[in-house]
N, C-alpha and C. Protein backbone atom coordinates (compact mmCIF):
# COMPACT_ATOMS: atom_id res chain seq x y z
N MET A 1 0.84 -1.19 0.00
CA MET A 1 0.00 0.00 0.00
C MET A 1 0.88 1.24 0.00
N GLN A 2 0.49 2.23 -0.76
CA GLN A 2 1.27 3.46 -0.86
C GLN A 2 1.16 4.30 0.39
N THR A 3 2.19 5.05 0.64
CA THR A 3 2.15 6.01 1.73
C THR A 3 2.17 7.40 1.11
N THR A 4 1.79 8.39 1.91
CA THR A 4 1.83 9.76 1.42
C THR A 4 3.25 10.13 1.04
N ARG A 5 4.21 9.67 1.81
CA ARG A 5 5.62 9.98 1.52
C ARG A 5 6.04 9.39 0.17
N GLN A 6 5.63 8.16 -0.12
CA GLN A 6 5.96 7.55 -1.41
C GLN A 6 5.32 8.32 -2.55
N ALA A 7 4.07 8.69 -2.38
CA ALA A 7 3.36 9.43 -3.42
C ALA A 7 4.04 10.77 -3.66
N ASP A 8 4.38 11.46 -2.59
CA ASP A 8 5.06 12.74 -2.71
C ASP A 8 6.41 12.59 -3.39
N CYS A 9 7.12 11.53 -3.05
CA CYS A 9 8.44 11.28 -3.63
C CYS A 9 8.33 11.04 -5.14
N ALA A 10 7.42 10.18 -5.54
CA ALA A 10 7.25 9.88 -6.96
C ALA A 10 6.84 11.14 -7.73
N ALA A 11 5.94 11.89 -7.16
CA ALA A 11 5.48 13.11 -7.83
C ALA A 11 6.59 14.14 -7.92
N SER A 12 7.39 14.26 -6.88
CA SER A 12 8.45 15.28 -6.90
C SER A 12 9.57 14.92 -7.86
N VAL A 13 9.86 13.63 -8.00
CA VAL A 13 10.90 13.21 -8.94
C VAL A 13 10.48 13.51 -10.36
N ALA A 14 9.24 13.25 -10.68
CA ALA A 14 8.78 13.40 -12.05
C ALA A 14 8.23 14.79 -12.36
N ALA A 15 7.88 15.56 -11.35
CA ALA A 15 7.25 16.86 -11.57
C ALA A 15 8.00 17.77 -12.54
N PRO A 16 9.33 17.83 -12.48
CA PRO A 16 10.01 18.73 -13.41
C PRO A 16 9.82 18.37 -14.88
N VAL A 17 9.45 17.13 -15.18
CA VAL A 17 9.27 16.75 -16.58
C VAL A 17 7.81 16.65 -16.99
N VAL A 18 6.90 16.95 -16.06
CA VAL A 18 5.48 16.89 -16.37
C VAL A 18 4.94 18.31 -16.43
N VAL A 19 4.69 18.77 -17.62
CA VAL A 19 4.08 20.07 -17.81
C VAL A 19 2.98 19.88 -18.84
N PRO A 20 1.81 19.39 -18.39
CA PRO A 20 0.75 19.05 -19.34
C PRO A 20 0.41 20.19 -20.28
N GLY A 21 0.32 19.84 -21.56
CA GLY A 21 -0.09 20.80 -22.56
C GLY A 21 1.00 21.75 -23.02
N VAL A 22 2.17 21.70 -22.41
CA VAL A 22 3.22 22.64 -22.80
C VAL A 22 4.19 21.99 -23.77
N ARG A 23 4.87 20.96 -23.35
CA ARG A 23 5.81 20.26 -24.23
C ARG A 23 5.74 18.77 -23.92
N LEU A 24 6.03 17.97 -24.92
CA LEU A 24 6.09 16.54 -24.70
C LEU A 24 7.38 16.17 -23.98
N ILE A 25 8.45 16.81 -24.40
CA ILE A 25 9.78 16.54 -23.86
C ILE A 25 10.44 17.88 -23.63
N ARG A 26 11.12 18.02 -22.50
CA ARG A 26 11.79 19.30 -22.23
C ARG A 26 12.73 19.66 -23.37
N SER A 27 12.61 20.86 -23.83
CA SER A 27 13.43 21.33 -24.94
C SER A 27 14.80 21.78 -24.45
N THR A 28 15.80 21.51 -25.26
CA THR A 28 17.14 21.99 -24.95
C THR A 28 17.56 23.05 -25.97
N SER A 29 16.66 23.41 -26.86
CA SER A 29 16.99 24.40 -27.87
C SER A 29 15.99 25.55 -27.83
N THR A 30 16.32 26.59 -28.53
CA THR A 30 15.39 27.72 -28.64
C THR A 30 14.59 27.65 -29.93
N ALA A 31 14.87 26.66 -30.76
CA ALA A 31 14.15 26.52 -32.03
C ALA A 31 12.70 26.13 -31.76
N ARG A 32 11.80 26.75 -32.45
CA ARG A 32 10.38 26.44 -32.32
C ARG A 32 9.79 26.35 -33.72
N PRO A 33 9.18 25.23 -34.04
CA PRO A 33 8.56 25.11 -35.36
C PRO A 33 7.29 25.96 -35.43
N PRO A 34 6.86 26.30 -36.62
CA PRO A 34 5.59 27.03 -36.75
C PRO A 34 4.46 26.21 -36.12
N PRO A 35 3.53 26.85 -35.41
CA PRO A 35 2.49 26.10 -34.70
C PRO A 35 1.60 25.25 -35.60
N ASP A 36 1.51 25.57 -36.88
CA ASP A 36 0.65 24.80 -37.77
C ASP A 36 1.39 23.69 -38.52
N ASP A 37 2.65 23.47 -38.21
CA ASP A 37 3.45 22.46 -38.90
C ASP A 37 3.73 21.28 -37.96
N ALA A 38 2.84 20.30 -38.00
CA ALA A 38 2.94 19.15 -37.09
C ALA A 38 4.18 18.31 -37.37
N VAL A 39 4.56 18.17 -38.64
CA VAL A 39 5.76 17.40 -38.98
C VAL A 39 6.98 18.08 -38.37
N ALA A 40 7.08 19.40 -38.50
CA ALA A 40 8.20 20.13 -37.91
C ALA A 40 8.19 20.01 -36.39
N ALA A 41 7.00 20.00 -35.79
CA ALA A 41 6.91 19.85 -34.33
C ALA A 41 7.42 18.48 -33.89
N LEU A 42 7.07 17.44 -34.63
CA LEU A 42 7.57 16.10 -34.30
C LEU A 42 9.09 16.03 -34.47
N ARG A 43 9.57 16.61 -35.54
CA ARG A 43 11.03 16.62 -35.77
C ARG A 43 11.76 17.38 -34.66
N GLN A 44 11.19 18.51 -34.23
CA GLN A 44 11.83 19.28 -33.16
C GLN A 44 11.81 18.52 -31.85
N LEU A 45 10.71 17.84 -31.57
CA LEU A 45 10.62 17.02 -30.36
C LEU A 45 11.75 15.99 -30.34
N VAL A 46 11.96 15.33 -31.46
CA VAL A 46 13.00 14.30 -31.55
C VAL A 46 14.39 14.93 -31.48
N ALA A 47 14.57 16.07 -32.10
CA ALA A 47 15.87 16.76 -32.03
C ALA A 47 16.18 17.15 -30.58
N ASP A 48 15.16 17.64 -29.87
CA ASP A 48 15.34 18.00 -28.47
C ASP A 48 15.70 16.78 -27.62
N LEU A 49 14.99 15.68 -27.86
CA LEU A 49 15.28 14.46 -27.12
C LEU A 49 16.69 13.96 -27.42
N THR A 50 17.06 13.96 -28.69
CA THR A 50 18.39 13.50 -29.09
C THR A 50 19.46 14.32 -28.39
N ASP A 51 19.29 15.62 -28.39
CA ASP A 51 20.26 16.50 -27.74
C ASP A 51 20.32 16.24 -26.23
N ARG A 52 19.18 16.21 -25.62
CA ARG A 52 19.12 16.03 -24.16
C ARG A 52 19.68 14.68 -23.73
N ALA A 53 19.26 13.61 -24.42
CA ALA A 53 19.67 12.26 -24.02
C ALA A 53 21.13 11.97 -24.34
N SER A 54 21.75 12.81 -25.16
CA SER A 54 23.16 12.62 -25.52
C SER A 54 24.12 13.35 -24.59
N LYS A 55 23.60 14.16 -23.72
CA LYS A 55 24.45 14.95 -22.82
C LYS A 55 25.03 14.09 -21.70
N PRO A 56 26.29 14.37 -21.34
CA PRO A 56 26.89 13.65 -20.20
C PRO A 56 26.03 13.87 -18.94
N GLY A 57 25.88 12.83 -18.19
CA GLY A 57 25.12 12.92 -16.94
C GLY A 57 23.63 12.68 -17.10
N TYR A 58 23.16 12.55 -18.34
CA TYR A 58 21.73 12.27 -18.53
C TYR A 58 21.43 10.90 -17.94
N ARG A 59 20.38 10.80 -17.14
CA ARG A 59 20.07 9.55 -16.43
C ARG A 59 18.84 8.84 -16.96
N GLY A 60 18.38 9.23 -18.11
CA GLY A 60 17.24 8.54 -18.69
C GLY A 60 15.92 9.15 -18.27
N CYS A 61 14.86 8.55 -18.71
CA CYS A 61 13.51 9.03 -18.43
C CYS A 61 13.16 8.81 -16.96
N ALA A 62 12.74 9.88 -16.31
CA ALA A 62 12.38 9.78 -14.89
C ALA A 62 11.26 8.77 -14.68
N PHE A 63 10.34 8.68 -15.62
CA PHE A 63 9.21 7.76 -15.46
C PHE A 63 9.64 6.31 -15.60
N ILE A 64 10.56 6.04 -16.52
CA ILE A 64 11.08 4.68 -16.64
C ILE A 64 11.85 4.32 -15.36
N ASN A 65 12.62 5.26 -14.86
CA ASN A 65 13.37 5.01 -13.63
C ASN A 65 12.44 4.72 -12.46
N ILE A 66 11.34 5.44 -12.38
CA ILE A 66 10.36 5.18 -11.32
C ILE A 66 9.75 3.79 -11.50
N ALA A 67 9.40 3.44 -12.74
CA ALA A 67 8.81 2.12 -13.00
C ALA A 67 9.74 0.99 -12.59
N VAL A 68 11.02 1.18 -12.82
CA VAL A 68 12.00 0.16 -12.44
C VAL A 68 12.04 0.00 -10.92
N GLU A 69 11.94 1.09 -10.21
CA GLU A 69 12.00 1.04 -8.74
C GLU A 69 10.74 0.48 -8.11
N TYR A 70 9.62 0.56 -8.82
CA TYR A 70 8.34 0.09 -8.29
C TYR A 70 7.74 -0.91 -9.27
N PRO A 71 8.16 -2.18 -9.23
CA PRO A 71 7.72 -3.16 -10.21
C PRO A 71 6.24 -3.57 -10.10
N ASP A 72 5.62 -3.34 -8.97
CA ASP A 72 4.21 -3.70 -8.79
C ASP A 72 3.33 -2.73 -9.57
N ARG A 73 2.65 -3.23 -10.60
CA ARG A 73 1.83 -2.37 -11.45
C ARG A 73 0.66 -1.73 -10.70
N ASP A 74 0.33 -2.24 -9.53
CA ASP A 74 -0.76 -1.67 -8.74
C ASP A 74 -0.28 -0.55 -7.81
N HIS A 75 1.02 -0.36 -7.74
CA HIS A 75 1.57 0.68 -6.87
C HIS A 75 1.24 2.06 -7.43
N PHE A 76 1.02 3.01 -6.54
CA PHE A 76 0.70 4.37 -6.96
C PHE A 76 1.71 4.92 -7.96
N ALA A 77 2.98 4.70 -7.70
CA ALA A 77 4.02 5.25 -8.57
C ALA A 77 3.87 4.73 -10.00
N ARG A 78 3.52 3.46 -10.13
CA ARG A 78 3.33 2.89 -11.47
C ARG A 78 2.10 3.46 -12.15
N SER A 79 1.06 3.76 -11.40
CA SER A 79 -0.12 4.41 -11.97
C SER A 79 0.25 5.79 -12.48
N PHE A 80 1.07 6.48 -11.73
CA PHE A 80 1.56 7.81 -12.09
C PHE A 80 2.34 7.73 -13.41
N VAL A 81 3.21 6.72 -13.51
CA VAL A 81 4.00 6.51 -14.73
C VAL A 81 3.08 6.19 -15.90
N ALA A 82 2.16 5.26 -15.71
CA ALA A 82 1.26 4.86 -16.79
C ALA A 82 0.43 6.04 -17.28
N ASP A 83 -0.01 6.88 -16.36
CA ASP A 83 -0.79 8.05 -16.75
C ASP A 83 0.04 9.01 -17.60
N ASN A 84 1.29 9.23 -17.20
CA ASN A 84 2.15 10.11 -17.97
C ASN A 84 2.40 9.54 -19.36
N LYS A 85 2.69 8.25 -19.44
CA LYS A 85 2.96 7.63 -20.73
C LYS A 85 1.72 7.65 -21.62
N ARG A 86 0.55 7.50 -21.01
CA ARG A 86 -0.70 7.59 -21.76
C ARG A 86 -0.86 9.00 -22.35
N GLN A 87 -0.54 10.02 -21.55
CA GLN A 87 -0.61 11.40 -22.02
C GLN A 87 0.38 11.64 -23.16
N LEU A 88 1.57 11.08 -23.05
CA LEU A 88 2.56 11.22 -24.12
C LEU A 88 2.00 10.64 -25.42
N LEU A 89 1.44 9.45 -25.35
CA LEU A 89 0.88 8.81 -26.55
C LEU A 89 -0.29 9.62 -27.10
N GLN A 90 -1.12 10.16 -26.24
CA GLN A 90 -2.24 10.98 -26.70
C GLN A 90 -1.74 12.23 -27.42
N ARG A 91 -0.73 12.87 -26.88
CA ARG A 91 -0.19 14.08 -27.51
C ARG A 91 0.48 13.75 -28.84
N LEU A 92 1.21 12.64 -28.87
CA LEU A 92 1.82 12.23 -30.13
C LEU A 92 0.75 11.88 -31.17
N THR A 93 -0.33 11.25 -30.72
CA THR A 93 -1.43 10.91 -31.64
C THR A 93 -2.07 12.18 -32.19
N ALA A 94 -2.25 13.18 -31.35
CA ALA A 94 -2.82 14.45 -31.82
C ALA A 94 -1.91 15.10 -32.86
N LEU A 95 -0.60 15.11 -32.59
CA LEU A 95 0.34 15.66 -33.57
C LEU A 95 0.35 14.83 -34.85
N ALA A 96 0.37 13.52 -34.71
CA ALA A 96 0.40 12.64 -35.88
C ALA A 96 -0.86 12.82 -36.73
N THR A 97 -1.99 13.05 -36.08
CA THR A 97 -3.23 13.29 -36.81
C THR A 97 -3.13 14.57 -37.64
N ARG A 98 -2.50 15.58 -37.06
CA ARG A 98 -2.34 16.86 -37.76
C ARG A 98 -1.38 16.76 -38.95
N THR A 99 -0.56 15.71 -39.02
CA THR A 99 0.36 15.56 -40.15
C THR A 99 -0.36 15.11 -41.41
N GLY A 100 -1.55 14.53 -41.24
CA GLY A 100 -2.26 13.97 -42.38
C GLY A 100 -1.85 12.53 -42.67
N ALA A 101 -1.19 11.89 -41.71
CA ALA A 101 -0.76 10.49 -41.88
C ALA A 101 -1.95 9.59 -42.17
N ARG A 102 -1.72 8.57 -42.99
CA ARG A 102 -2.77 7.59 -43.30
C ARG A 102 -3.29 6.93 -42.03
N ASP A 103 -2.37 6.58 -41.15
CA ASP A 103 -2.74 5.91 -39.89
C ASP A 103 -2.02 6.64 -38.76
N PRO A 104 -2.60 7.73 -38.26
CA PRO A 104 -1.93 8.52 -37.24
C PRO A 104 -1.67 7.76 -35.94
N VAL A 105 -2.53 6.82 -35.62
CA VAL A 105 -2.32 6.04 -34.39
C VAL A 105 -1.06 5.18 -34.53
N ALA A 106 -0.90 4.55 -35.69
CA ALA A 106 0.31 3.74 -35.92
C ALA A 106 1.55 4.63 -35.91
N LEU A 107 1.48 5.82 -36.51
CA LEU A 107 2.62 6.73 -36.48
C LEU A 107 2.95 7.13 -35.06
N ALA A 108 1.95 7.49 -34.27
CA ALA A 108 2.19 7.89 -32.88
C ALA A 108 2.80 6.74 -32.07
N LYS A 109 2.31 5.54 -32.26
CA LYS A 109 2.86 4.40 -31.53
C LYS A 109 4.29 4.11 -31.98
N GLY A 110 4.56 4.23 -33.27
CA GLY A 110 5.92 4.04 -33.76
C GLY A 110 6.87 5.08 -33.18
N LEU A 111 6.44 6.33 -33.15
CA LEU A 111 7.26 7.39 -32.56
C LEU A 111 7.48 7.15 -31.07
N THR A 112 6.44 6.66 -30.40
CA THR A 112 6.56 6.35 -28.97
C THR A 112 7.62 5.28 -28.75
N LEU A 113 7.61 4.26 -29.59
CA LEU A 113 8.63 3.21 -29.48
C LEU A 113 10.03 3.77 -29.72
N LEU A 114 10.17 4.67 -30.69
CA LEU A 114 11.48 5.29 -30.93
C LEU A 114 11.92 6.10 -29.72
N ILE A 115 11.00 6.86 -29.15
CA ILE A 115 11.32 7.69 -27.98
C ILE A 115 11.72 6.82 -26.79
N GLU A 116 10.92 5.80 -26.51
CA GLU A 116 11.23 4.92 -25.38
C GLU A 116 12.55 4.19 -25.62
N GLY A 117 12.80 3.80 -26.85
CA GLY A 117 14.07 3.15 -27.18
C GLY A 117 15.24 4.09 -27.00
N ALA A 118 15.04 5.36 -27.34
CA ALA A 118 16.11 6.35 -27.15
C ALA A 118 16.42 6.52 -25.66
N TYR A 119 15.38 6.53 -24.85
CA TYR A 119 15.61 6.63 -23.40
C TYR A 119 16.47 5.46 -22.92
N ALA A 120 16.13 4.27 -23.35
CA ALA A 120 16.89 3.08 -22.93
C ALA A 120 18.30 3.11 -23.51
N ALA A 121 18.43 3.41 -24.80
CA ALA A 121 19.74 3.40 -25.45
C ALA A 121 20.68 4.43 -24.83
N SER A 122 20.11 5.52 -24.33
CA SER A 122 20.96 6.55 -23.71
C SER A 122 21.68 6.01 -22.48
N GLN A 123 21.16 4.94 -21.92
CA GLN A 123 21.74 4.37 -20.71
C GLN A 123 22.52 3.09 -20.96
N THR A 124 22.32 2.48 -22.13
CA THR A 124 22.93 1.17 -22.36
C THR A 124 24.02 1.13 -23.42
N TYR A 125 24.07 2.13 -24.29
CA TYR A 125 25.11 2.18 -25.32
C TYR A 125 26.16 3.22 -24.95
N ALA A 126 27.39 2.91 -25.22
CA ALA A 126 28.48 3.85 -24.95
C ALA A 126 28.31 5.08 -25.84
N PRO A 127 28.59 6.26 -25.31
CA PRO A 127 28.42 7.49 -26.10
C PRO A 127 29.19 7.50 -27.41
N ASP A 128 30.36 6.86 -27.45
CA ASP A 128 31.18 6.89 -28.67
C ASP A 128 30.54 6.12 -29.84
N ILE A 129 29.53 5.31 -29.57
CA ILE A 129 28.83 4.59 -30.64
C ILE A 129 27.95 5.54 -31.43
N GLY A 130 27.44 6.57 -30.76
CA GLY A 130 26.62 7.57 -31.45
C GLY A 130 25.26 7.08 -31.90
N LEU A 131 24.72 6.12 -31.21
CA LEU A 131 23.44 5.53 -31.62
C LEU A 131 22.31 6.57 -31.66
N LEU A 132 22.28 7.46 -30.68
CA LEU A 132 21.20 8.43 -30.63
C LEU A 132 21.22 9.40 -31.81
N ALA A 133 22.37 9.56 -32.43
CA ALA A 133 22.47 10.45 -33.59
C ALA A 133 21.60 9.96 -34.75
N ALA A 134 21.25 8.69 -34.75
CA ALA A 134 20.40 8.13 -35.81
C ALA A 134 18.92 8.40 -35.58
N LEU A 135 18.57 8.90 -34.41
CA LEU A 135 17.15 9.09 -34.08
C LEU A 135 16.43 10.07 -35.02
N PRO A 136 16.97 11.24 -35.33
CA PRO A 136 16.25 12.13 -36.25
C PRO A 136 16.01 11.52 -37.64
N ALA A 137 17.02 10.88 -38.20
CA ALA A 137 16.85 10.28 -39.52
C ALA A 137 15.83 9.13 -39.47
N THR A 138 15.87 8.35 -38.42
CA THR A 138 14.92 7.25 -38.26
C THR A 138 13.50 7.79 -38.13
N THR A 139 13.36 8.89 -37.42
CA THR A 139 12.06 9.54 -37.28
C THR A 139 11.56 10.02 -38.63
N ASP A 140 12.45 10.62 -39.42
CA ASP A 140 12.06 11.08 -40.76
C ASP A 140 11.59 9.93 -41.64
N ILE A 141 12.26 8.80 -41.53
CA ILE A 141 11.84 7.61 -42.30
C ILE A 141 10.45 7.18 -41.89
N LEU A 142 10.20 7.14 -40.59
CA LEU A 142 8.90 6.72 -40.08
C LEU A 142 7.80 7.70 -40.51
N ILE A 143 8.06 8.99 -40.36
CA ILE A 143 7.06 9.99 -40.76
C ILE A 143 6.85 9.93 -42.27
N GLY A 144 7.92 9.82 -43.05
CA GLY A 144 7.79 9.72 -44.50
C GLY A 144 6.96 8.53 -44.93
N ALA A 145 7.16 7.41 -44.30
CA ALA A 145 6.37 6.21 -44.61
C ALA A 145 4.90 6.43 -44.25
N ALA A 146 4.65 7.12 -43.16
CA ALA A 146 3.27 7.35 -42.73
C ALA A 146 2.54 8.33 -43.65
N LEU A 147 3.31 9.22 -44.29
CA LEU A 147 2.71 10.22 -45.17
C LEU A 147 2.65 9.78 -46.63
N ALA A 148 3.38 8.70 -46.97
CA ALA A 148 3.44 8.24 -48.36
C ALA A 148 2.08 7.79 -48.85
N VAL A 149 1.82 8.09 -50.10
CA VAL A 149 0.56 7.68 -50.73
C VAL A 149 0.79 6.35 -51.41
N ARG A 150 -0.11 5.44 -51.21
CA ARG A 150 0.02 4.11 -51.83
C ARG A 150 -0.72 4.06 -53.13
């Protein structure tokens, strides 16, 4: 059973990265795409993540770290994580819908997998491999495939 202290701890750890309706991922740049360009917004989100996750000292996604510490899916902290991840997917789906993709839900889920993979790769691959540098190009491939006409 959760305690108030545990709930406060989980919320305080993740609070700096939860700003509903403002950004999906904290930006590390001053670049801002035009508000009506959903493709540019997705690209900027990925560029921001790539930059942030490539920096020395980056410790990965706070929500993934919380989930690892609280393996019981019924624990309050895990509900907090699941809610945040649900919001991320909803926001990505809204952006993907605005791109005109044939299947915006599939595009949003694919982008979510790339983002989650980037979080993990930032902690498991040595920086000299440069794996995260492939994230923007991989995102472009995914978006291009979603926008292609058959």
